[in-house]
Amino acid sequence: MAKILRGEIRWANLNPTIGREQSGERPVLILSHNVFNERSGTVIAMALTSQEQRAGFPLTYEILKAELPKRSWIKISQIRTLSTERIGKKMGILDPEEIAQVIDGLNEIIGG
């Protein structure tokens, strides 16, 4: 598999899940740094959705710059550590400014 890089939006298999976790085959944003992704066999990722979100920032962030097939939101509260075996094809990439916005949203949620 090609290197999995921070900021990439990739397909991932999130099953099995429990309760209100995002499930199924869906895009995720890779948040973890490249060295972590390469050496740990895991990535830290946030689920995306194409369903318009009622909750605004910091719970969700609309992706505006990456060219994706559908209008999409990052579900900042849906952060997971995933095996790289769950990660599939690259769909797009976020620029550093958008990644910083997502991290800011996460910091608001967790009190950073």
C-alpha atoms as a PDB file:
ATOM      1  CA  MET A   1       0.000   0.000   0.000  1.00  0.00           C
ATOM      2  CA  ALA A   2       1.132   3.540  -0.705  1.00  0.00           C
ATOM      3  CA  LYS A   3       2.146   5.702   2.221  1.00  0.00           C
ATOM      4  CA  ILE A   4      -0.772   7.115   4.163  1.00  0.00           C
ATOM      5  CA  LEU A   5      -0.181  10.829   4.669  1.00  0.00           C
ATOM      6  CA  ARG A   6      -1.575  13.422   7.052  1.00  0.00           C
ATOM      7  CA  GLY A   7      -4.367  15.448   5.476  1.00  0.00           C
ATOM      8  CA  GLU A   8      -5.396  12.762   3.028  1.00  0.00           C
ATOM      9  CA  ILE A   9      -9.036  11.824   2.682  1.00  0.00           C
ATOM     10  CA  ARG A  10      -9.250   8.073   2.155  1.00  0.00           C
ATOM     11  CA  TRP A  11     -11.869   5.365   2.114  1.00  0.00           C
ATOM     12  CA  ALA A  12     -11.963   3.289   5.294  1.00  0.00           C
ATOM     13  CA  ASN A  13     -13.946   0.365   6.601  1.00  0.00           C
ATOM     14  CA  LEU A  14     -15.253   1.461  10.017  1.00  0.00           C
ATOM     15  CA  ASN A  15     -17.176  -1.736  10.822  1.00  0.00           C
ATOM     16  CA  PRO A  16     -17.804  -3.178  13.319  1.00  0.00           C
ATOM     17  CA  THR A  17     -19.232  -0.308  15.333  1.00  0.00           C
ATOM     18  CA  ILE A  18     -21.459   0.154  18.371  1.00  0.00           C
ATOM     19  CA  GLY A  19     -24.170   2.715  19.070  1.00  0.00           C
ATOM     20  CA  ARG A  20     -23.849   6.100  17.385  1.00  0.00           C
ATOM     21  CA  GLU A  21     -20.395   5.552  15.915  1.00  0.00           C
ATOM     22  CA  GLN A  22     -20.045   6.226  12.199  1.00  0.00           C
ATOM     23  CA  SER A  23     -20.161   2.902  10.411  1.00  0.00           C
ATOM     24  CA  GLY A  24     -19.577   1.259   7.084  1.00  0.00           C
ATOM     25  CA  GLU A  25     -17.274   2.035   4.215  1.00  0.00           C
ATOM     26  CA  ARG A  26     -16.812   5.803   4.248  1.00  0.00           C
ATOM     27  CA  PRO A  27     -14.220   8.527   3.760  1.00  0.00           C
ATOM     28  CA  VAL A  28     -12.015   9.579   6.658  1.00  0.00           C
ATOM     29  CA  LEU A  29      -9.529  12.407   7.174  1.00  0.00           C
ATOM     30  CA  ILE A  30      -6.093  11.185   8.255  1.00  0.00           C
ATOM     31  CA  LEU A  31      -4.924  13.391  11.148  1.00  0.00           C
ATOM     32  CA  SER A  32      -1.895  11.557  12.490  1.00  0.00           C
ATOM     33  CA  HIS A  33       1.598  12.473  11.326  1.00  0.00           C
ATOM     34  CA  ASN A  34       3.261  10.526   8.538  1.00  0.00           C
ATOM     35  CA  VAL A  35       5.921   8.910  10.753  1.00  0.00           C
ATOM     36  CA  PHE A  36       3.226   7.650  13.152  1.00  0.00           C
ATOM     37  CA  ASN A  37       1.202   6.243  10.250  1.00  0.00           C
ATOM     38  CA  GLU A  38       4.204   4.444   8.800  1.00  0.00           C
ATOM     39  CA  ARG A  39       5.650   2.997  12.020  1.00  0.00           C
ATOM     40  CA  SER A  40       2.607   2.194  14.162  1.00  0.00           C
ATOM     41  CA  GLY A  41       0.457   0.272  11.701  1.00  0.00           C
ATOM     42  CA  THR A  42      -2.418   2.554  12.700  1.00  0.00           C
ATOM     43  CA  VAL A  43      -3.734   6.014  11.823  1.00  0.00           C
ATOM     44  CA  ILE A  44      -5.777   8.552  13.736  1.00  0.00           C
ATOM     45  CA  ALA A  45      -8.714   9.608  11.593  1.00  0.00           C
ATOM     46  CA  MET A  46     -12.040  11.458  11.609  1.00  0.00           C
ATOM     47  CA  ALA A  47     -15.109  10.250   9.756  1.00  0.00           C
ATOM     48  CA  LEU A  48     -16.672  12.273   6.950  1.00  0.00           C
ATOM     49  CA  THR A  49     -20.307  12.520   5.966  1.00  0.00           C
ATOM     50  CA  SER A  50     -22.126  13.878   2.930  1.00  0.00           C
ATOM     51  CA  GLN A  51     -25.298  14.451   4.971  1.00  0.00           C
ATOM     52  CA  GLU A  52     -25.796  18.153   5.690  1.00  0.00           C
ATOM     53  CA  GLN A  53     -25.046  18.758   9.341  1.00  0.00           C
ATOM     54  CA  ARG A  54     -27.215  20.657  11.823  1.00  0.00           C
ATOM     55  CA  ALA A  55     -24.349  20.875  14.288  1.00  0.00           C
ATOM     56  CA  GLY A  56     -21.811  23.470  13.260  1.00  0.00           C
ATOM     57  CA  PHE A  57     -18.203  24.049  14.193  1.00  0.00           C
ATOM     58  CA  PRO A  58     -16.537  22.723  16.359  1.00  0.00           C
ATOM     59  CA  LEU A  59     -18.534  19.468  16.021  1.00  0.00           C
ATOM     60  CA  THR A  60     -18.379  19.488  12.227  1.00  0.00           C
ATOM     61  CA  TYR A  61     -16.287  21.218   9.591  1.00  0.00           C
ATOM     62  CA  GLU A  62     -17.411  21.636   5.995  1.00  0.00           C
ATOM     63  CA  ILE A  63     -14.675  20.791   3.512  1.00  0.00           C
ATOM     64  CA  LEU A  64     -14.474  23.630   1.034  1.00  0.00           C
ATOM     65  CA  LYS A  65     -11.133  23.319  -0.754  1.00  0.00           C
ATOM     66  CA  ALA A  66     -10.630  19.604  -1.428  1.00  0.00           C
ATOM     67  CA  GLU A  67     -12.321  18.443  -4.605  1.00  0.00           C
ATOM     68  CA  LEU A  68     -14.569  15.610  -3.473  1.00  0.00           C
ATOM     69  CA  PRO A  69     -17.417  14.013  -5.431  1.00  0.00           C
ATOM     70  CA  LYS A  70     -19.998  15.244  -2.888  1.00  0.00           C
ATOM     71  CA  ARG A  71     -20.342  18.166  -0.514  1.00  0.00           C
ATOM     72  CA  SER A  72     -18.779  16.819   2.697  1.00  0.00           C
ATOM     73  CA  TRP A  73     -18.328  17.538   6.387  1.00  0.00           C
ATOM     74  CA  ILE A  74     -15.719  16.227   8.806  1.00  0.00           C
ATOM     75  CA  LYS A  75     -17.368  14.895  11.949  1.00  0.00           C
ATOM     76  CA  ILE A  76     -14.755  16.191  14.390  1.00  0.00           C
ATOM     77  CA  SER A  77     -16.304  14.320  17.311  1.00  0.00           C
ATOM     78  CA  GLN A  78     -15.971  11.006  15.397  1.00  0.00           C
ATOM     79  CA  ILE A  79     -12.233  10.463  15.876  1.00  0.00           C
ATOM     80  CA  ARG A  80     -10.816   6.926  15.811  1.00  0.00           C
ATOM     81  CA  THR A  81      -7.580   5.021  15.749  1.00  0.00           C
ATOM     82  CA  LEU A  82      -7.738   2.587  12.837  1.00  0.00           C
ATOM     83  CA  SER A  83      -5.477  -0.174  11.610  1.00  0.00           C
ATOM     84  CA  THR A  84      -3.860   0.736   8.303  1.00  0.00           C
ATOM     85  CA  GLU A  85      -5.476  -2.490   7.026  1.00  0.00           C
ATOM     86  CA  ARG A  86      -8.835  -0.643   7.181  1.00  0.00           C
ATOM     87  CA  ILE A  87      -7.571   2.211   4.973  1.00  0.00           C
ATOM     88  CA  GLY A  88      -8.260   2.220   1.239  1.00  0.00           C
ATOM     89  CA  LYS A  89      -8.011   4.431  -1.809  1.00  0.00           C
ATOM     90  CA  LYS A  90      -7.175   8.139  -1.592  1.00  0.00           C
ATOM     91  CA  MET A  91     -10.007  10.520  -2.511  1.00  0.00           C
ATOM     92  CA  GLY A  92      -8.424  13.907  -1.909  1.00  0.00           C
ATOM     93  CA  ILE A  93      -6.301  15.971   0.437  1.00  0.00           C
ATOM     94  CA  LEU A  94      -6.880  18.921   2.778  1.00  0.00           C
ATOM     95  CA  ASP A  95      -4.491  21.837   2.791  1.00  0.00           C
ATOM     96  CA  PRO A  96      -2.588  22.731   5.992  1.00  0.00           C
ATOM     97  CA  GLU A  97      -4.960  25.648   6.759  1.00  0.00           C
ATOM     98  CA  GLU A  98      -8.004  23.347   6.776  1.00  0.00           C
ATOM     99  CA  ILE A  99      -6.176  20.750   8.886  1.00  0.00           C
ATOM    100  CA  ALA A 100      -5.375  23.500  11.406  1.00  0.00           C
ATOM    101  CA  GLN A 101      -9.090  24.434  11.554  1.00  0.00           C
ATOM    102  CA  VAL A 102     -10.036  20.806  12.254  1.00  0.00           C
ATOM    103  CA  ILE A 103      -7.407  20.572  15.015  1.00  0.00           C
ATOM    104  CA  ASP A 104      -8.757  23.815  16.512  1.00  0.00           C
ATOM    105  CA  GLY A 105     -12.246  22.284  16.553  1.00  0.00           C
ATOM    106  CA  LEU A 106     -10.943  19.153  18.266  1.00  0.00           C
ATOM    107  CA  ASN A 107      -9.158  21.289  20.866  1.00  0.00           C
ATOM    108  CA  GLU A 108     -12.445  23.112  21.586  1.00  0.00           C
ATOM    109  CA  ILE A 109     -14.252  19.815  22.104  1.00  0.00           C
ATOM    110  CA  ILE A 110     -11.619  18.291  24.388  1.00  0.00           C
ATOM    111  CA  GLY A 111     -10.695  21.528  26.146  1.00  0.00           C
ATOM    112  CA  GLY A 112      -7.194  22.013  24.686  1.00  0.00           C
END
